Protein backbone atom coordinates (compact mmCIF):
# COMPACT_ATOMS: atom_id res chain seq x y z
CA MET A 1 -66.26 38.14 -56.82
CA LYS A 2 -68.99 35.89 -55.38
CA LEU A 3 -71.48 38.75 -55.37
CA PHE A 4 -70.61 39.54 -59.01
CA PHE A 5 -71.28 35.96 -60.13
CA LYS A 6 -74.51 35.83 -58.13
CA GLU A 7 -75.73 38.98 -59.83
CA ASN A 8 -74.84 37.77 -63.37
CA THR A 9 -75.73 34.08 -63.07
CA LEU A 10 -79.10 34.61 -64.73
CA LEU A 11 -77.52 36.51 -67.64
CA ILE A 12 -74.93 33.78 -68.23
CA CYS A 13 -77.55 31.02 -68.07
CA THR A 14 -79.92 32.90 -70.37
CA GLN A 15 -77.15 33.49 -72.92
CA ALA A 16 -76.10 29.82 -72.82
CA LEU A 17 -79.73 28.71 -73.27
CA GLN A 18 -80.13 31.11 -76.18
CA PHE A 19 -77.06 29.71 -77.98
CA PHE A 20 -78.26 26.15 -77.33
CA ILE A 21 -81.66 26.92 -78.85
CA ILE A 22 -80.05 28.48 -81.92
CA MET A 23 -77.84 25.41 -82.39
CA SER A 24 -80.87 23.14 -81.98
CA ILE A 25 -82.82 25.06 -84.62
CA TYR A 26 -79.90 24.77 -87.06
CA TRP A 27 -79.68 21.02 -86.42
CA LEU A 28 -83.40 20.29 -86.60
CA ASP A 29 -83.79 22.32 -89.80
CA GLY A 30 -81.37 20.03 -91.59
CA TYR A 31 -78.26 22.16 -91.56
CA GLN A 32 -75.65 19.47 -90.97
CA ASN A 33 -72.71 21.85 -91.20
CA VAL A 34 -72.88 23.63 -87.87
CA ARG A 35 -69.36 24.96 -87.86
CA PRO A 36 -70.43 28.53 -88.69
CA ALA A 37 -73.02 28.28 -85.94
CA LEU A 38 -70.40 27.01 -83.48
CA TYR A 39 -68.12 29.84 -84.50
CA ALA A 40 -70.95 32.28 -83.92
CA VAL A 41 -71.61 30.73 -80.50
CA PHE A 42 -67.92 31.02 -79.68
CA LEU A 43 -67.93 34.67 -80.66
CA GLY A 44 -71.06 35.19 -78.55
CA PHE A 45 -69.45 33.66 -75.48
CA PHE A 46 -66.25 35.60 -76.12
CA LEU A 47 -68.14 38.89 -76.30
CA LEU A 48 -70.12 37.90 -73.20
CA GLY A 49 -66.88 37.18 -71.36
CA CYS A 50 -65.42 40.52 -72.43
CA TYR A 51 -68.55 42.28 -71.23
CA LEU A 52 -68.52 40.51 -67.87
CA PHE A 53 -64.80 41.19 -67.42
CA TYR A 54 -65.24 44.90 -68.12
CA HIS A 55 -68.36 44.99 -65.93
CA TYR A 56 -66.48 43.47 -63.01
CA ILE A 57 -63.31 45.58 -63.38
CA SER A 58 -65.25 48.82 -63.66
CA ARG A 59 -67.40 48.02 -60.59
CA ARG A 60 -64.89 46.12 -58.50
CA LYS A 61 -64.86 48.75 -55.72
CA PHE A 62 -68.65 48.74 -55.71
CA TYR A 63 -68.86 44.96 -55.22
CA LYS A 64 -66.12 45.07 -52.59
CA ARG A 65 -68.01 47.71 -50.64
CA LEU A 66 -71.18 45.64 -50.72
CA SER A 67 -69.36 42.48 -49.58
CA GLU A 68 -67.34 43.89 -46.67
CA PRO A 69 -68.92 45.08 -43.40
CA LEU A 70 -68.56 48.70 -42.33
CA GLN A 71 -65.78 49.35 -39.82
CA LYS A 72 -67.33 52.61 -38.66
CA LEU A 73 -70.52 54.49 -39.40
CA ASP A 74 -68.78 57.26 -41.37
CA ASP A 75 -67.69 54.66 -43.95
CA SER A 76 -71.23 54.71 -45.29
CA LEU A 77 -70.56 58.22 -46.66
CA GLN A 78 -67.68 57.19 -48.92
CA LYS A 79 -68.25 57.27 -52.68
CA THR A 80 -67.67 54.22 -54.83
CA GLU A 81 -68.35 54.37 -58.58
CA ILE A 82 -69.86 56.70 -61.17
CA ALA A 83 -72.33 54.03 -62.29
CA PRO A 84 -75.99 55.03 -61.78
CA LEU A 85 -76.64 52.14 -59.37
CA ALA A 86 -73.59 53.01 -57.26
CA ILE A 87 -74.52 56.69 -57.19
CA GLN A 88 -78.05 55.84 -56.09
CA LEU A 89 -76.70 53.55 -53.37
CA ASP A 90 -74.40 56.31 -52.10
CA GLU A 91 -77.36 58.68 -51.91
CA LEU A 92 -79.44 56.09 -50.07
CA LEU A 93 -76.70 55.45 -47.51
CA LYS A 94 -76.19 59.17 -47.04
CA ASN A 95 -79.88 59.71 -46.31
CA GLN A 96 -79.89 56.68 -44.01
CA TYR A 97 -76.88 58.07 -42.15
CA LYS A 98 -78.63 61.43 -41.65
CA LEU A 99 -81.78 59.69 -40.38
CA TYR A 100 -79.73 57.52 -38.03
CA GLN A 101 -77.88 60.53 -36.62
CA THR A 102 -81.16 62.38 -36.07
CA GLN A 103 -82.65 59.43 -34.19
CA ILE A 104 -79.50 58.95 -32.12
CA LYS A 105 -79.50 62.61 -31.06
CA ALA A 106 -83.17 62.35 -30.10
CA LEU A 107 -82.51 59.22 -28.02
CA GLN A 108 -79.49 60.83 -26.36
CA GLN A 109 -81.60 63.83 -25.44
CA GLN A 110 -84.30 61.56 -23.98
CA GLN A 111 -81.67 59.65 -22.03
CA MET A 112 -80.16 62.86 -20.68
CA GLU A 113 -83.57 64.11 -19.57
CA HIS A 114 -84.28 60.75 -17.93
CA LEU A 115 -80.96 60.82 -16.05
CA GLN A 116 -81.62 64.38 -14.87
CA PHE A 117 -85.06 63.32 -13.66
CA ILE A 118 -83.61 60.33 -11.77
CA ASP A 119 -80.94 62.54 -10.22
CA GLN A 120 -83.46 65.13 -9.05
CA TRP A 121 -85.92 62.49 -7.84
CA VAL A 122 -83.29 60.70 -5.75
CA HIS A 123 -82.21 63.92 -4.07
CA GLN A 124 -85.83 64.90 -3.43
CA MET A 125 -86.50 61.54 -1.78
CA LYS A 126 -83.45 61.87 0.48
CA THR A 127 -84.87 64.97 2.16
CA PRO A 128 -88.07 63.37 3.53
CA LEU A 129 -86.06 60.30 4.54
CA SER A 130 -83.72 62.49 6.57
CA VAL A 131 -86.73 64.11 8.23
CA ILE A 132 -88.20 60.69 9.05
CA GLU A 133 -84.86 59.59 10.49
CA LEU A 134 -84.63 62.68 12.71
CA THR A 135 -88.21 62.18 13.87
CA ALA A 136 -87.46 58.54 14.70
CA GLN A 137 -84.69 59.61 17.08
CA GLY A 138 -87.32 61.03 19.40
CA LEU A 139 -89.24 57.75 19.58
CA ASP A 140 -88.79 54.98 22.10
CA GLU A 141 -86.99 51.76 21.31
CA PRO A 142 -87.41 49.48 19.46
CA ASP A 143 -89.56 51.67 17.16
CA SER A 144 -86.76 54.21 16.70
CA SER A 145 -84.20 51.63 15.56
CA SER A 146 -86.68 49.89 13.27
CA ILE A 147 -87.59 53.12 11.48
CA ARG A 148 -83.97 54.21 11.12
CA GLU A 149 -83.06 50.77 9.78
CA GLU A 150 -85.72 51.01 7.09
CA THR A 151 -84.78 54.57 6.14
CA TYR A 152 -81.14 53.45 5.85
CA ARG A 153 -82.18 50.69 3.46
CA MET A 154 -84.16 53.17 1.41
CA LYS A 155 -81.22 55.56 1.26
CA THR A 156 -78.96 52.73 0.14
CA GLY A 157 -81.41 51.76 -2.58
CA LEU A 158 -81.74 55.35 -3.77
CA ASN A 159 -77.97 55.73 -3.95
CA THR A 160 -77.75 52.54 -6.02
CA ILE A 161 -80.32 53.93 -8.44
CA LEU A 162 -78.38 57.19 -8.68
CA TYR A 163 -75.07 55.46 -9.36
CA MET A 164 -76.71 53.15 -11.90
CA ALA A 165 -78.06 56.18 -13.76
CA ARG A 166 -74.68 57.92 -13.68
CA LEU A 167 -72.92 54.80 -14.93
CA ARG A 168 -74.20 55.43 -18.48
CA SER A 169 -72.35 58.73 -18.63
CA ILE A 170 -69.49 57.83 -16.32
CA GLU A 171 -66.84 59.37 -18.58
CA GLN A 172 -68.25 62.83 -17.80
CA ASP A 173 -68.69 61.99 -14.12
CA LEU A 174 -65.16 60.79 -13.32
CA HIS A 175 -62.78 63.04 -11.40
CA VAL A 176 -59.47 61.26 -10.95
CA LYS A 177 -57.14 62.59 -8.26
CA PRO A 178 -54.78 61.30 -5.52
CA VAL A 179 -56.72 59.47 -2.79
CA VAL A 180 -55.31 58.20 0.51
CA LEU A 181 -56.73 54.70 0.96
CA ALA A 182 -56.66 54.73 4.79
CA LYS A 183 -58.65 57.97 4.85
CA ILE A 184 -61.42 56.84 2.51
CA ILE A 185 -61.74 53.45 4.22
CA ASN A 186 -62.20 55.19 7.57
CA GLU A 187 -64.88 57.35 5.98
CA VAL A 188 -66.67 54.25 4.67
CA ASN A 189 -66.55 52.62 8.11
CA GLY A 190 -67.82 55.79 9.78
CA GLU A 191 -70.71 56.07 7.33
CA ASN A 192 -71.71 52.44 7.93
CA LYS A 193 -71.24 52.37 11.70
CA ARG A 194 -74.92 51.76 12.42
CA PHE A 195 -75.04 49.10 9.72
CA TYR A 196 -72.22 47.21 11.44
CA ILE A 197 -73.86 47.50 14.86
CA ARG A 198 -77.26 46.45 13.58
CA ASN A 199 -75.87 43.29 11.96
CA LYS A 200 -73.37 42.65 14.80
CA VAL A 201 -70.54 42.34 12.29
CA TYR A 202 -67.57 44.68 12.75
CA PRO A 203 -64.64 45.61 10.48
CA LYS A 204 -61.05 44.82 11.34
CA LEU A 205 -58.73 47.24 9.57
CA ILE A 206 -55.19 46.16 8.67
CA ILE A 207 -53.11 48.89 7.05
CA LYS A 208 -49.34 48.42 6.89
CA ASN A 209 -48.77 51.90 5.49
CA ASN A 210 -51.24 54.72 6.22
CA ALA A 211 -49.65 56.83 3.49
CA ILE A 212 -50.60 54.55 0.57
CA THR A 213 -52.05 56.91 -2.03
CA VAL A 214 -53.59 55.95 -5.36
CA GLU A 215 -54.91 57.80 -8.37
CA THR A 216 -58.64 57.18 -8.65
CA ASP A 217 -62.08 58.77 -8.36
CA GLU A 218 -62.84 59.31 -4.66
CA LYS A 219 -66.63 59.29 -4.97
CA TRP A 220 -66.79 56.10 -7.03
CA LEU A 221 -64.19 54.37 -4.84
CA PHE A 222 -66.33 55.22 -1.82
CA PHE A 223 -69.28 53.53 -3.53
CA ILE A 224 -67.20 50.46 -4.44
CA LEU A 225 -65.85 49.98 -0.91
CA THR A 226 -69.32 50.53 0.55
CA GLN A 227 -70.75 47.90 -1.78
CA LEU A 228 -68.06 45.34 -0.93
CA THR A 229 -68.33 45.90 2.83
CA HIS A 230 -72.13 45.71 2.68
CA ASN A 231 -71.94 42.38 0.90
CA ALA A 232 -69.32 41.10 3.34
CA VAL A 233 -71.49 42.04 6.33
CA LYS A 234 -74.72 40.77 4.78
CA TYR A 235 -73.31 37.33 3.98
CA SER A 236 -71.44 37.08 7.31
CA ALA A 237 -74.34 37.91 9.64
CA GLU A 238 -75.11 35.14 12.14
CA LYS A 239 -72.07 33.19 10.94
CA SER A 240 -69.17 35.49 11.82
CA ASN A 241 -68.93 38.78 13.71
CA GLN A 242 -65.99 40.20 11.78
CA ILE A 243 -64.88 41.24 8.32
CA VAL A 244 -61.29 42.17 7.46
CA ILE A 245 -60.25 45.16 5.36
CA ASN A 246 -56.60 44.85 4.43
CA VAL A 247 -54.53 47.51 2.61
CA TYR A 248 -51.02 46.69 1.42
CA GLU A 249 -48.58 46.89 -1.47
CA LYS A 250 -47.32 44.05 -3.63
CA ASN A 251 -45.08 44.26 -6.70
CA SER A 252 -45.43 48.07 -6.66
CA GLU A 253 -49.22 47.74 -6.83
CA ALA A 254 -51.60 48.97 -4.12
CA ILE A 255 -54.22 46.44 -3.02
CA VAL A 256 -57.39 46.66 -0.94
CA GLU A 257 -58.89 43.39 0.26
CA VAL A 258 -62.34 42.96 1.79
CA THR A 259 -62.63 39.53 3.38
CA ASP A 260 -65.56 37.93 5.16
CA HIS A 261 -66.00 34.54 6.82
CA GLY A 262 -69.55 34.02 5.65
CA VAL A 263 -71.42 31.64 3.40
CA GLY A 264 -69.07 31.93 0.40
CA ILE A 265 -69.97 31.83 -3.30
CA PRO A 266 -70.64 28.55 -5.14
CA ASN A 267 -68.27 27.77 -8.01
CA SER A 268 -71.18 27.83 -10.47
CA ASP A 269 -71.89 31.47 -9.58
CA LYS A 270 -68.36 32.89 -9.52
CA LYS A 271 -68.23 33.69 -13.24
CA ARG A 272 -71.56 35.52 -13.15
CA VAL A 273 -71.47 37.52 -9.92
CA PHE A 274 -70.55 40.65 -11.86
CA ASP A 275 -73.40 40.26 -14.37
CA ALA A 276 -76.24 42.74 -14.13
CA PHE A 277 -79.24 41.51 -12.08
CA PHE A 278 -77.59 38.16 -11.32
CA THR A 279 -78.26 37.12 -7.73
CA GLY A 280 -77.28 33.44 -7.71
CA GLU A 281 -77.94 30.95 -4.93
CA ASN A 282 -77.00 33.38 -2.16
CA GLY A 283 -79.22 36.07 -3.64
CA ARG A 284 -82.21 33.76 -3.52
CA GLN A 285 -81.41 32.92 0.08
CA PHE A 286 -80.75 36.54 1.13
CA ARG A 287 -83.63 38.22 -0.66
CA GLU A 288 -82.34 41.77 -0.32
CA SER A 289 -79.87 41.11 -3.14
CA THR A 290 -80.58 43.02 -6.37
CA GLY A 291 -77.65 41.91 -8.52
CA ILE A 292 -76.79 45.53 -9.33
CA GLY A 293 -74.05 46.48 -6.86
CA LEU A 294 -71.29 44.18 -8.10
CA TYR A 295 -72.20 44.92 -11.71
CA ILE A 296 -71.70 48.66 -11.14
CA THR A 297 -68.53 47.90 -9.18
CA LYS A 298 -66.98 45.92 -12.05
CA GLU A 299 -67.97 48.52 -14.67
CA VAL A 300 -66.53 51.42 -12.67
CA ILE A 301 -63.30 49.56 -11.91
CA GLN A 302 -62.81 48.88 -15.62
CA HIS A 303 -63.40 52.53 -16.49
CA LEU A 304 -60.88 53.60 -13.85
CA GLY A 305 -58.27 51.16 -15.10
CA HIS A 306 -58.13 49.13 -11.86
CA ARG A 307 -58.59 45.38 -11.51
CA ILE A 308 -60.82 43.30 -9.27
CA GLU A 309 -60.25 39.71 -8.20
CA LEU A 310 -62.51 37.27 -6.40
CA GLU A 311 -61.65 34.32 -4.19
CA SER A 312 -64.34 32.36 -2.42
CA GLU A 313 -65.03 28.99 -0.87
CA VAL A 314 -68.46 27.80 0.16
CA GLY A 315 -68.77 27.90 3.93
CA ASN A 316 -65.44 29.66 4.46
CA GLY A 317 -66.06 33.16 3.14
CA THR A 318 -65.14 35.45 0.28
CA THR A 319 -62.37 37.89 -0.58
CA PHE A 320 -62.73 40.74 -3.05
CA ARG A 321 -59.46 42.33 -4.06
CA ILE A 322 -59.17 45.77 -5.73
CA ILE A 323 -55.80 46.23 -7.41
CA PHE A 324 -54.37 49.62 -8.33
CA THR A 325 -51.60 49.31 -10.92
CA SER A 326 -48.07 50.47 -10.26
CA ALA A 327 -48.75 53.57 -12.37
CA GLN A 328 -51.78 54.39 -10.19
CA ASN A 329 -49.93 53.70 -6.93
CA LEU A 330 -48.52 57.13 -6.19
CA THR A 331 -46.76 55.90 -3.04
CA THR A 332 -44.04 54.20 -5.09
CA LEU A 333 -43.53 57.10 -7.50
């Protein structure tokens, strides 16, 4: 209705001005009996009102379509009225839709090619790094350890890039199946053995039930646990020599906790630790932080239907808690 009045305001004002001028001419020309003129003005306004009423009723769907936002892109293809303006608008939106779809497909193709390039590049870089690491084993200390430490950091960075690239098409990358939590945690600890030794921070594993099995993606869960343990070790170094990985069940849900006794997270940073590229106060202090790992972690957990909780106190450490719902906890089924 508002759009209709906005469109016809000029017509109404012009018609009113026209009738006023006619009445003024009658009056100034000495015609004192203006009743016929008033009757004519009344008829003019009546006919104008009838025209506007018919114009609005016949184009009500058209005005409604223009006033309401589209709920989905395909709504732009719906037809409205048989009026020439409405038909032309339908044709314009149809052409715009086709152009948009063409551009989207081109961008998707570019993105796919970019992701394939990143995937291939990461795997190509891993080969020379493995060769460098093997060569370093034949060197004397401390050169051997230093080189292997740097190659490990490079591998970790490359894996982060790879997972970040895959995150954009994670729906096609997920493979949900039963996973034994004790088994995958042991694999994470075995993979990061040198990392623990190098930082002099060691994991303490508490598992009340080794048979706890959840429905999740094994590869992505491995990445999540690796990310959480890395953070726990990094922010515990030189303050504590132990992190705790606890696996248990509560209210039919399976829970994995990664707890450190490190620097903790300030209250001002807690709400933003899962934002992309956010490093916070600790990130500025520990300059290896990229602000990517926890962002990927949160995104993957949401796609898998799990939950993640954070508890932290400055100076007393941090606990990240991954919660698998009762439906995902196959141990209780």
